PDB file of N, CA and C in Angstrom:
ATOM      1  N   MET A   1      -6.418  61.484 -34.358  1.00  0.00           N
ATOM      2  CA  MET A   1      -6.357  62.109 -33.164  1.00  0.00           C
ATOM      3  C   MET A   1      -6.066  61.444 -31.869  1.00  0.00           C
ATOM      4  N   ALA A   2      -5.486  61.789 -30.808  1.00  0.00           N
ATOM      5  CA  ALA A   2      -5.106  60.871 -29.795  1.00  0.00           C
ATOM      6  C   ALA A   2      -6.629  60.978 -29.001  1.00  0.00           C
ATOM      7  N   VAL A   3      -6.694  60.016 -28.334  1.00  0.00           N
ATOM      8  CA  VAL A   3      -7.760  59.951 -27.465  1.00  0.00           C
ATOM      9  C   VAL A   3      -7.225  60.824 -26.068  1.00  0.00           C
ATOM     10  N   VAL A   4      -8.134  61.821 -25.593  1.00  0.00           N
ATOM     11  CA  VAL A   4      -8.241  62.667 -24.497  1.00  0.00           C
ATOM     12  C   VAL A   4      -8.868  62.276 -23.077  1.00  0.00           C
ATOM     13  N   THR A   5      -8.073  62.058 -22.216  1.00  0.00           N
ATOM     14  CA  THR A   5      -8.683  61.909 -20.917  1.00  0.00           C
ATOM     15  C   THR A   5      -9.320  63.022 -20.168  1.00  0.00           C
ATOM     16  N   ALA A   6     -10.625  62.952 -20.343  1.00  0.00           N
ATOM     17  CA  ALA A   6     -11.548  63.884 -19.674  1.00  0.00           C
ATOM     18  C   ALA A   6     -11.641  63.728 -18.153  1.00  0.00           C
ATOM     19  N   THR A   7     -11.674  64.752 -17.392  1.00  0.00           N
ATOM     20  CA  THR A   7     -11.607  65.070 -15.922  1.00  0.00           C
ATOM     21  C   THR A   7     -12.630  66.126 -15.742  1.00  0.00           C
ATOM     22  N   GLN A   8     -12.956  66.066 -14.402  1.00  0.00           N
ATOM     23  CA  GLN A   8     -13.839  67.406 -14.037  1.00  0.00           C
ATOM     24  C   GLN A   8     -13.296  68.721 -14.411  1.00  0.00           C
ATOM     25  N   ASP A   9     -11.831  68.880 -14.424  1.00  0.00           N
ATOM     26  CA  ASP A   9     -11.283  69.870 -14.593  1.00  0.00           C
ATOM     27  C   ASP A   9     -11.074  70.360 -16.246  1.00  0.00           C
ATOM     28  N   ASN A  10     -11.000  69.475 -16.920  1.00  0.00           N
ATOM     29  CA  ASN A  10     -11.272  69.686 -18.419  1.00  0.00           C
ATOM     30  C   ASN A  10     -12.685  69.282 -19.481  1.00  0.00           C
ATOM     31  N   PHE A  11     -13.379  68.716 -18.671  1.00  0.00           N
ATOM     32  CA  PHE A  11     -14.700  67.791 -19.509  1.00  0.00           C
ATOM     33  C   PHE A  11     -15.317  69.455 -20.159  1.00  0.00           C
ATOM     34  N   GLU A  12     -15.561  70.265 -19.552  1.00  0.00           N
ATOM     35  CA  GLU A  12     -16.326  71.521 -20.350  1.00  0.00           C
ATOM     36  C   GLU A  12     -15.592  71.983 -21.341  1.00  0.00           C
ATOM     37  N   THR A  13     -14.281  72.050 -21.442  1.00  0.00           N
ATOM     38  CA  THR A  13     -13.598  72.638 -22.358  1.00  0.00           C
ATOM     39  C   THR A  13     -13.603  71.457 -23.714  1.00  0.00           C
ATOM     40  N   GLU A  14     -13.024  70.363 -23.174  1.00  0.00           N
ATOM     41  CA  GLU A  14     -12.780  69.159 -24.285  1.00  0.00           C
ATOM     42  C   GLU A  14     -14.213  68.931 -24.916  1.00  0.00           C
ATOM     43  N   VAL A  15     -15.166  68.398 -24.159  1.00  0.00           N
ATOM     44  CA  VAL A  15     -16.472  67.905 -24.613  1.00  0.00           C
ATOM     45  C   VAL A  15     -17.362  68.889 -24.932  1.00  0.00           C
ATOM     46  N   LEU A  16     -17.785  69.780 -23.846  1.00  0.00           N
ATOM     47  CA  LEU A  16     -19.026  70.599 -24.271  1.00  0.00           C
ATOM     48  C   LEU A  16     -18.730  71.774 -25.222  1.00  0.00           C
ATOM     49  N   GLY A  17     -17.288  72.160 -24.915  1.00  0.00           N
ATOM     50  CA  GLY A  17     -16.915  73.215 -25.957  1.00  0.00           C
ATOM     51  C   GLY A  17     -16.313  73.032 -26.940  1.00  0.00           C
ATOM     52  N   SER A  18     -16.241  71.540 -27.447  1.00  0.00           N
ATOM     53  CA  SER A  18     -15.877  71.221 -28.532  1.00  0.00           C
ATOM     54  C   SER A  18     -16.284  71.859 -30.069  1.00  0.00           C
ATOM     55  N   ASP A  19     -15.737  72.053 -31.026  1.00  0.00           N
ATOM     56  CA  ASP A  19     -16.141  72.458 -32.354  1.00  0.00           C
ATOM     57  C   ASP A  19     -16.472  71.183 -33.326  1.00  0.00           C
ATOM     58  N   LYS A  20     -16.154  69.822 -32.793  1.00  0.00           N
ATOM     59  CA  LYS A  20     -16.359  68.661 -33.283  1.00  0.00           C
ATOM     60  C   LYS A  20     -17.338  67.766 -32.518  1.00  0.00           C
ATOM     61  N   PRO A  21     -18.052  66.861 -33.338  1.00  0.00           N
ATOM     62  CA  PRO A  21     -18.760  65.781 -32.411  1.00  0.00           C
ATOM     63  C   PRO A  21     -17.645  65.170 -31.437  1.00  0.00           C
ATOM     64  N   VAL A  22     -18.302  64.615 -30.427  1.00  0.00           N
ATOM     65  CA  VAL A  22     -17.259  64.112 -29.383  1.00  0.00           C
ATOM     66  C   VAL A  22     -18.029  63.019 -28.888  1.00  0.00           C
ATOM     67  N   LEU A  23     -17.096  61.764 -28.934  1.00  0.00           N
ATOM     68  CA  LEU A  23     -17.616  60.186 -28.434  1.00  0.00           C
ATOM     69  C   LEU A  23     -16.835  60.466 -26.774  1.00  0.00           C
ATOM     70  N   VAL A  24     -17.522  60.183 -26.061  1.00  0.00           N
ATOM     71  CA  VAL A  24     -16.888  60.068 -24.480  1.00  0.00           C
ATOM     72  C   VAL A  24     -17.288  58.285 -24.119  1.00  0.00           C
ATOM     73  N   ASP A  25     -16.068  57.765 -23.942  1.00  0.00           N
ATOM     74  CA  ASP A  25     -16.360  56.460 -23.445  1.00  0.00           C
ATOM     75  C   ASP A  25     -15.967  56.431 -22.234  1.00  0.00           C
ATOM     76  N   PHE A  26     -17.219  55.981 -21.103  1.00  0.00           N
ATOM     77  CA  PHE A  26     -17.161  55.978 -19.859  1.00  0.00           C
ATOM     78  C   PHE A  26     -16.651  54.630 -19.494  1.00  0.00           C
ATOM     79  N   TRP A  27     -15.522  54.548 -18.438  1.00  0.00           N
ATOM     80  CA  TRP A  27     -15.112  52.848 -18.484  1.00  0.00           C
ATOM     81  C   TRP A  27     -14.667  53.067 -16.757  1.00  0.00           C
ATOM     82  N   ALA A  28     -14.013  51.733 -16.814  1.00  0.00           N
ATOM     83  CA  ALA A  28     -13.088  51.787 -15.316  1.00  0.00           C
ATOM     84  C   ALA A  28     -12.391  50.438 -15.538  1.00  0.00           C
ATOM     85  N   THR A  29     -11.158  50.551 -14.847  1.00  0.00           N
ATOM     86  CA  THR A  29      -9.985  49.621 -14.992  1.00  0.00           C
ATOM     87  C   THR A  29     -10.255  48.093 -14.631  1.00  0.00           C
ATOM     88  N   TRP A  30     -11.483  47.927 -13.753  1.00  0.00           N
ATOM     89  CA  TRP A  30     -11.745  46.589 -13.416  1.00  0.00           C
ATOM     90  C   TRP A  30     -12.997  46.095 -14.530  1.00  0.00           C
ATOM     91  N   CYS A  31     -13.316  46.690 -15.413  1.00  0.00           N
ATOM     92  CA  CYS A  31     -14.477  46.437 -16.201  1.00  0.00           C
ATOM     93  C   CYS A  31     -13.967  45.496 -17.398  1.00  0.00           C
ATOM     94  N   GLY A  32     -14.318  44.221 -17.524  1.00  0.00           N
ATOM     95  CA  GLY A  32     -14.102  43.147 -18.717  1.00  0.00           C
ATOM     96  C   GLY A  32     -14.644  44.190 -19.818  1.00  0.00           C
ATOM     97  N   PRO A  33     -15.770  44.147 -20.093  1.00  0.00           N
ATOM     98  CA  PRO A  33     -16.217  44.664 -21.182  1.00  0.00           C
ATOM     99  C   PRO A  33     -15.749  45.873 -21.744  1.00  0.00           C
ATOM    100  N   CYS A  34     -15.232  46.868 -20.783  1.00  0.00           N
ATOM    101  CA  CYS A  34     -14.757  48.218 -21.013  1.00  0.00           C
ATOM    102  C   CYS A  34     -13.435  47.800 -21.793  1.00  0.00           C
ATOM    103  N   LYS A  35     -12.749  46.851 -21.300  1.00  0.00           N
ATOM    104  CA  LYS A  35     -11.313  46.298 -21.759  1.00  0.00           C
ATOM    105  C   LYS A  35     -11.640  45.980 -23.354  1.00  0.00           C
ATOM    106  N   MET A  36     -12.776  45.339 -23.426  1.00  0.00           N
ATOM    107  CA  MET A  36     -12.773  44.611 -24.805  1.00  0.00           C
ATOM    108  C   MET A  36     -13.257  45.929 -25.825  1.00  0.00           C
ATOM    109  N   LEU A  37     -14.080  46.971 -25.327  1.00  0.00           N
ATOM    110  CA  LEU A  37     -14.463  48.162 -26.216  1.00  0.00           C
ATOM    111  C   LEU A  37     -13.294  49.187 -26.473  1.00  0.00           C
ATOM    112  N   SER A  38     -12.243  49.305 -25.308  1.00  0.00           N
ATOM    113  CA  SER A  38     -11.265  50.316 -25.332  1.00  0.00           C
ATOM    114  C   SER A  38     -10.389  50.288 -26.775  1.00  0.00           C
ATOM    115  N   PRO A  39      -9.906  49.003 -27.520  1.00  0.00           N
ATOM    116  CA  PRO A  39      -9.087  49.078 -28.630  1.00  0.00           C
ATOM    117  C   PRO A  39      -9.955  49.803 -29.697  1.00  0.00           C
ATOM    118  N   VAL A  40     -11.552  49.555 -29.566  1.00  0.00           N
ATOM    119  CA  VAL A  40     -12.357  50.047 -30.926  1.00  0.00           C
ATOM    120  C   VAL A  40     -12.433  51.569 -31.030  1.00  0.00           C
ATOM    121  N   VAL A  41     -12.622  52.046 -29.598  1.00  0.00           N
ATOM    122  CA  VAL A  41     -12.863  53.392 -29.466  1.00  0.00           C
ATOM    123  C   VAL A  41     -11.188  54.108 -29.583  1.00  0.00           C
ATOM    124  N   ASP A  42     -10.153  53.420 -29.335  1.00  0.00           N
ATOM    125  CA  ASP A  42      -8.770  54.037 -29.819  1.00  0.00           C
ATOM    126  C   ASP A  42      -8.863  53.937 -31.234  1.00  0.00           C
ATOM    127  N   GLN A  43      -9.240  52.977 -31.922  1.00  0.00           N
ATOM    128  CA  GLN A  43      -9.102  53.038 -33.341  1.00  0.00           C
ATOM    129  C   GLN A  43     -10.042  54.338 -34.184  1.00  0.00           C
ATOM    130  N   ILE A  44     -11.242  54.474 -33.419  1.00  0.00           N
ATOM    131  CA  ILE A  44     -12.144  55.454 -33.944  1.00  0.00           C
ATOM    132  C   ILE A  44     -11.264  56.871 -34.101  1.00  0.00           C
ATOM    133  N   ALA A  45     -10.774  56.964 -32.855  1.00  0.00           N
ATOM    134  CA  ALA A  45      -9.813  58.236 -32.514  1.00  0.00           C
ATOM    135  C   ALA A  45      -8.976  58.234 -33.705  1.00  0.00           C
ATOM    136  N   GLU A  46      -8.065  57.359 -34.023  1.00  0.00           N
ATOM    137  CA  GLU A  46      -7.047  57.356 -34.743  1.00  0.00           C
ATOM    138  C   GLU A  46      -7.310  57.430 -36.489  1.00  0.00           C
ATOM    139  N   GLU A  47      -8.792  56.828 -36.668  1.00  0.00           N
ATOM    140  CA  GLU A  47      -9.062  56.895 -38.195  1.00  0.00           C
ATOM    141  C   GLU A  47     -10.108  58.154 -38.278  1.00  0.00           C
ATOM    142  N   ASN A  48     -10.502  58.974 -37.378  1.00  0.00           N
ATOM    143  CA  ASN A  48     -11.362  59.902 -37.623  1.00  0.00           C
ATOM    144  C   ASN A  48     -11.083  61.395 -37.179  1.00  0.00           C
ATOM    145  N   GLU A  49     -10.432  62.033 -38.180  1.00  0.00           N
ATOM    146  CA  GLU A  49     -10.011  63.422 -37.366  1.00  0.00           C
ATOM    147  C   GLU A  49     -11.120  64.280 -37.259  1.00  0.00           C
ATOM    148  N   ASP A  50     -12.385  64.019 -37.967  1.00  0.00           N
ATOM    149  CA  ASP A  50     -13.682  65.075 -37.509  1.00  0.00           C
ATOM    150  C   ASP A  50     -14.370  64.481 -36.249  1.00  0.00           C
ATOM    151  N   ILE A  51     -13.894  63.579 -35.717  1.00  0.00           N
ATOM    152  CA  ILE A  51     -14.604  63.319 -34.320  1.00  0.00           C
ATOM    153  C   ILE A  51     -13.219  63.412 -33.254  1.00  0.00           C
ATOM    154  N   LYS A  52     -13.765  63.858 -32.187  1.00  0.00           N
ATOM    155  CA  LYS A  52     -12.865  64.009 -31.042  1.00  0.00           C
ATOM    156  C   LYS A  52     -13.357  62.898 -29.883  1.00  0.00           C
ATOM    157  N   VAL A  53     -12.365  61.950 -29.503  1.00  0.00           N
ATOM    158  CA  VAL A  53     -12.838  61.108 -28.568  1.00  0.00           C
ATOM    159  C   VAL A  53     -12.094  61.214 -27.299  1.00  0.00           C
ATOM    160  N   CYS A  54     -12.688  61.111 -26.093  1.00  0.00           N
ATOM    161  CA  CYS A  54     -12.516  61.463 -24.591  1.00  0.00           C
ATOM    162  C   CYS A  54     -12.998  59.924 -23.908  1.00  0.00           C
ATOM    163  N   LYS A  55     -12.149  59.904 -23.063  1.00  0.00           N
ATOM    164  CA  LYS A  55     -12.410  58.594 -21.791  1.00  0.00           C
ATOM    165  C   LYS A  55     -12.486  59.158 -20.472  1.00  0.00           C
ATOM    166  N   VAL A  56     -13.644  58.661 -19.977  1.00  0.00           N
ATOM    167  CA  VAL A  56     -13.671  59.211 -18.393  1.00  0.00           C
ATOM    168  C   VAL A  56     -13.639  57.809 -17.594  1.00  0.00           C
ATOM    169  N   ASN A  57     -12.746  57.701 -16.599  1.00  0.00           N
ATOM    170  CA  ASN A  57     -12.604  56.755 -15.732  1.00  0.00           C
ATOM    171  C   ASN A  57     -13.575  56.953 -14.501  1.00  0.00           C
ATOM    172  N   VAL A  58     -14.745  56.415 -14.501  1.00  0.00           N
ATOM    173  CA  VAL A  58     -16.010  56.399 -13.817  1.00  0.00           C
ATOM    174  C   VAL A  58     -15.601  56.516 -12.126  1.00  0.00           C
ATOM    175  N   ASP A  59     -14.511  55.706 -12.236  1.00  0.00           N
ATOM    176  CA  ASP A  59     -14.030  55.568 -10.549  1.00  0.00           C
ATOM    177  C   ASP A  59     -13.324  56.912 -10.199  1.00  0.00           C
ATOM    178  N   ASP A  60     -12.505  57.542 -11.102  1.00  0.00           N
ATOM    179  CA  ASP A  60     -11.786  58.540 -10.538  1.00  0.00           C
ATOM    180  C   ASP A  60     -12.680  59.980 -11.259  1.00  0.00           C
ATOM    181  N   GLN A  61     -13.581  59.935 -11.841  1.00  0.00           N
ATOM    182  CA  GLN A  61     -14.257  61.106 -12.137  1.00  0.00           C
ATOM    183  C   GLN A  61     -15.851  60.943 -11.927  1.00  0.00           C
ATOM    184  N   GLN A  62     -16.564  60.511 -10.460  1.00  0.00           N
ATOM    185  CA  GLN A  62     -17.627  59.977 -10.436  1.00  0.00           C
ATOM    186  C   GLN A  62     -18.734  61.181 -10.681  1.00  0.00           C
ATOM    187  N   ASP A  63     -18.366  62.436 -10.588  1.00  0.00           N
ATOM    188  CA  ASP A  63     -19.333  63.420 -10.670  1.00  0.00           C
ATOM    189  C   ASP A  63     -19.671  63.501 -12.036  1.00  0.00           C
ATOM    190  N   ILE A  64     -18.971  63.283 -12.846  1.00  0.00           N
ATOM    191  CA  ILE A  64     -19.123  63.493 -14.411  1.00  0.00           C
ATOM    192  C   ILE A  64     -20.259  62.250 -14.832  1.00  0.00           C
ATOM    193  N   ALA A  65     -20.017  60.846 -14.335  1.00  0.00           N
ATOM    194  CA  ALA A  65     -20.520  59.872 -14.404  1.00  0.00           C
ATOM    195  C   ALA A  65     -22.077  60.011 -13.860  1.00  0.00           C
ATOM    196  N   VAL A  66     -22.250  60.516 -12.509  1.00  0.00           N
ATOM    197  CA  VAL A  66     -23.545  61.169 -12.334  1.00  0.00           C
ATOM    198  C   VAL A  66     -24.178  61.843 -12.862  1.00  0.00           C
ATOM    199  N   LYS A  67     -23.445  62.995 -13.215  1.00  0.00           N
ATOM    200  CA  LYS A  67     -24.292  64.022 -13.993  1.00  0.00           C
ATOM    201  C   LYS A  67     -24.783  63.533 -15.382  1.00  0.00           C
ATOM    202  N   TYR A  68     -24.270  62.676 -16.051  1.00  0.00           N
ATOM    203  CA  TYR A  68     -24.782  61.958 -17.368  1.00  0.00           C
ATOM    204  C   TYR A  68     -25.617  60.783 -17.272  1.00  0.00           C
ATOM    205  N   LYS A  69     -25.652  60.539 -15.718  1.00  0.00           N
ATOM    206  CA  LYS A  69     -26.628  59.299 -15.360  1.00  0.00           C
ATOM    207  C   LYS A  69     -26.273  57.927 -16.009  1.00  0.00           C
ATOM    208  N   VAL A  70     -24.711  58.008 -15.927  1.00  0.00           N
ATOM    209  CA  VAL A  70     -24.035  56.462 -16.410  1.00  0.00           C
ATOM    210  C   VAL A  70     -24.328  55.360 -15.426  1.00  0.00           C
ATOM    211  N   MET A  71     -25.276  54.538 -15.739  1.00  0.00           N
ATOM    212  CA  MET A  71     -25.659  53.451 -14.434  1.00  0.00           C
ATOM    213  C   MET A  71     -24.773  51.850 -14.838  1.00  0.00           C
ATOM    214  N   SER A  72     -24.487  51.925 -16.335  1.00  0.00           N
ATOM    215  CA  SER A  72     -23.542  50.668 -16.464  1.00  0.00           C
ATOM    216  C   SER A  72     -22.309  50.878 -17.395  1.00  0.00           C
ATOM    217  N   ILE A  73     -21.545  50.235 -17.222  1.00  0.00           N
ATOM    218  CA  ILE A  73     -20.217  50.669 -18.262  1.00  0.00           C
ATOM    219  C   ILE A  73     -19.896  49.195 -19.020  1.00  0.00           C
ATOM    220  N   PRO A  74     -19.285  49.531 -20.168  1.00  0.00           N
ATOM    221  CA  PRO A  74     -18.941  50.836 -20.832  1.00  0.00           C
ATOM    222  C   PRO A  74     -20.171  51.483 -21.405  1.00  0.00           C
ATOM    223  N   THR A  75     -20.383  52.732 -21.237  1.00  0.00           N
ATOM    224  CA  THR A  75     -21.183  53.693 -21.993  1.00  0.00           C
ATOM    225  C   THR A  75     -20.440  54.527 -22.727  1.00  0.00           C
ATOM    226  N   VAL A  76     -20.937  54.824 -23.921  1.00  0.00           N
ATOM    227  CA  VAL A  76     -20.657  55.724 -24.793  1.00  0.00           C
ATOM    228  C   VAL A  76     -21.508  56.671 -25.126  1.00  0.00           C
ATOM    229  N   ILE A  77     -21.085  58.080 -25.002  1.00  0.00           N
ATOM    230  CA  ILE A  77     -22.196  59.115 -25.065  1.00  0.00           C
ATOM    231  C   ILE A  77     -21.568  59.857 -26.366  1.00  0.00           C
ATOM    232  N   ALA A  78     -22.300  60.147 -26.983  1.00  0.00           N
ATOM    233  CA  ALA A  78     -22.054  61.442 -28.218  1.00  0.00           C
ATOM    234  C   ALA A  78     -22.428  62.670 -27.745  1.00  0.00           C
ATOM    235  N   PHE A  79     -21.774  63.606 -28.311  1.00  0.00           N
ATOM    236  CA  PHE A  79     -22.051  65.030 -27.993  1.00  0.00           C
ATOM    237  C   PHE A  79     -21.630  65.708 -29.200  1.00  0.00           C
ATOM    238  N   LYS A  80     -22.813  66.740 -29.363  1.00  0.00           N
ATOM    239  CA  LYS A  80     -22.634  67.533 -30.550  1.00  0.00           C
ATOM    240  C   LYS A  80     -22.975  69.053 -29.832  1.00  0.00           C
ATOM    241  N   ASP A  81     -22.272  70.125 -30.222  1.00  0.00           N
ATOM    242  CA  ASP A  81     -22.493  71.272 -29.747  1.00  0.00           C
ATOM    243  C   ASP A  81     -22.859  71.503 -28.354  1.00  0.00           C
ATOM    244  N   GLY A  82     -22.157  70.584 -27.673  1.00  0.00           N
ATOM    245  CA  GLY A  82     -22.194  70.780 -25.952  1.00  0.00           C
ATOM    246  C   GLY A  82     -23.627  70.053 -25.617  1.00  0.00           C
ATOM    247  N   GLU A  83     -24.101  69.345 -26.385  1.00  0.00           N
ATOM    248  CA  GLU A  83     -25.240  68.580 -25.917  1.00  0.00           C
ATOM    249  C   GLU A  83     -25.334  66.967 -26.092  1.00  0.00           C
ATOM    250  N   GLU A  84     -25.879  66.489 -25.166  1.00  0.00           N
ATOM    251  CA  GLU A  84     -25.918  64.775 -25.635  1.00  0.00           C
ATOM    252  C   GLU A  84     -26.921  64.399 -26.487  1.00  0.00           C
ATOM    253  N   VAL A  85     -26.656  63.850 -27.885  1.00  0.00           N
ATOM    254  CA  VAL A  85     -27.310  63.429 -28.682  1.00  0.00           C
ATOM    255  C   VAL A  85     -27.372  61.853 -29.073  1.00  0.00           C
ATOM    256  N   ASN A  86     -26.643  61.198 -28.495  1.00  0.00           N
ATOM    257  CA  ASN A  86     -26.912  59.667 -28.599  1.00  0.00           C
ATOM    258  C   ASN A  86     -26.136  59.029 -27.489  1.00  0.00           C
ATOM    259  N   ARG A  87     -26.476  57.593 -27.242  1.00  0.00           N
ATOM    260  CA  ARG A  87     -25.606  57.027 -26.213  1.00  0.00           C
ATOM    261  C   ARG A  87     -25.794  55.340 -26.681  1.00  0.00           C
ATOM    262  N   SER A  88     -24.827  54.343 -26.276  1.00  0.00           N
ATOM    263  CA  SER A  88     -24.684  53.227 -26.416  1.00  0.00           C
ATOM    264  C   SER A  88     -24.239  52.587 -24.844  1.00  0.00           C
ATOM    265  N   VAL A  89     -24.740  51.619 -24.579  1.00  0.00           N
ATOM    266  CA  VAL A  89     -24.209  50.844 -23.355  1.00  0.00           C
ATOM    267  C   VAL A  89     -24.047  49.501 -23.764  1.00  0.00           C
ATOM    268  N   GLY A  90     -22.665  48.909 -23.080  1.00  0.00           N
ATOM    269  CA  GLY A  90     -22.233  47.756 -23.630  1.00  0.00           C
ATOM    270  C   GLY A  90     -21.436  47.744 -24.536  1.00  0.00           C
ATOM    271  N   VAL A  91     -20.803  46.726 -25.102  1.00  0.00           N
ATOM    272  CA  VAL A  91     -20.046  46.469 -26.045  1.00  0.00           C
ATOM    273  C   VAL A  91     -20.896  46.370 -27.552  1.00  0.00           C
ATOM    274  N   VAL A  92     -20.446  47.426 -28.287  1.00  0.00           N
ATOM    275  CA  VAL A  92     -20.776  47.110 -29.893  1.00  0.00           C
ATOM    276  C   VAL A  92     -19.802  47.330 -30.580  1.00  0.00           C
ATOM    277  N   PRO A  93     -20.210  46.960 -32.172  1.00  0.00           N
ATOM    278  CA  PRO A  93     -19.370  47.319 -33.167  1.00  0.00           C
ATOM    279  C   PRO A  93     -18.973  48.643 -33.428  1.00  0.00           C
ATOM    280  N   LYS A  94     -17.761  49.016 -33.810  1.00  0.00           N
ATOM    281  CA  LYS A  94     -17.491  50.376 -34.417  1.00  0.00           C
ATOM    282  C   LYS A  94     -18.237  50.901 -35.226  1.00  0.00           C
ATOM    283  N   GLU A  95     -19.037  50.185 -36.255  1.00  0.00           N
ATOM    284  CA  GLU A  95     -19.998  50.985 -36.999  1.00  0.00           C
ATOM    285  C   GLU A  95     -20.777  51.520 -36.042  1.00  0.00           C
ATOM    286  N   GLU A  96     -21.476  50.954 -34.968  1.00  0.00           N
ATOM    287  CA  GLU A  96     -22.610  51.260 -34.088  1.00  0.00           C
ATOM    288  C   GLU A  96     -21.823  52.468 -33.452  1.00  0.00           C
ATOM    289  N   LEU A  97     -21.090  52.562 -33.084  1.00  0.00           N
ATOM    290  CA  LEU A  97     -20.376  53.749 -32.247  1.00  0.00           C
ATOM    291  C   LEU A  97     -20.318  54.703 -33.262  1.00  0.00           C
ATOM    292  N   LEU A  98     -19.795  54.438 -34.362  1.00  0.00           N
ATOM    293  CA  LEU A  98     -19.667  55.831 -35.381  1.00  0.00           C
ATOM    294  C   LEU A  98     -21.273  56.185 -35.662  1.00  0.00           C
ATOM    295  N   LYS A  99     -22.328  55.271 -35.700  1.00  0.00           N
ATOM    296  CA  LYS A  99     -23.529  55.903 -36.208  1.00  0.00           C
ATOM    297  C   LYS A  99     -24.218  56.809 -34.810  1.00  0.00           C
ATOM    298  N   LEU A 100     -23.664  56.795 -33.920  1.00  0.00           N
ATOM    299  CA  LEU A 100     -23.862  57.770 -32.620  1.00  0.00           C
ATOM    300  C   LEU A 100     -23.660  59.238 -33.017  1.00  0.00           C
ATOM    301  N   VAL A 101     -22.687  59.333 -33.423  1.00  0.00           N
ATOM    302  CA  VAL A 101     -22.149  60.862 -33.975  1.00  0.00           C
ATOM    303  C   VAL A 101     -23.122  61.121 -35.480  1.00  0.00           C
TER     304      VAL A 101
END
């Protein structure tokens, strides 16, 4: 499944209203660790049909980052049934991200 770019306009539908667990990667273009984590997040999206993967650019979508108290990036938050169930901050292995959901 392709990675979905989450914005203020579609966050509720794509993340909170999803019938699948959702991993949301909070990132920025200037963030070195984010660039390291991005291919791992993309790989999870490609390999797991039962998980939706979204990315939120914190520079473009500051309201979402503030709402979910994202203080450091990369931050990956797992959502189930519209609720945050887990989060990870920093670069972690793919297995750790999969454990979030």
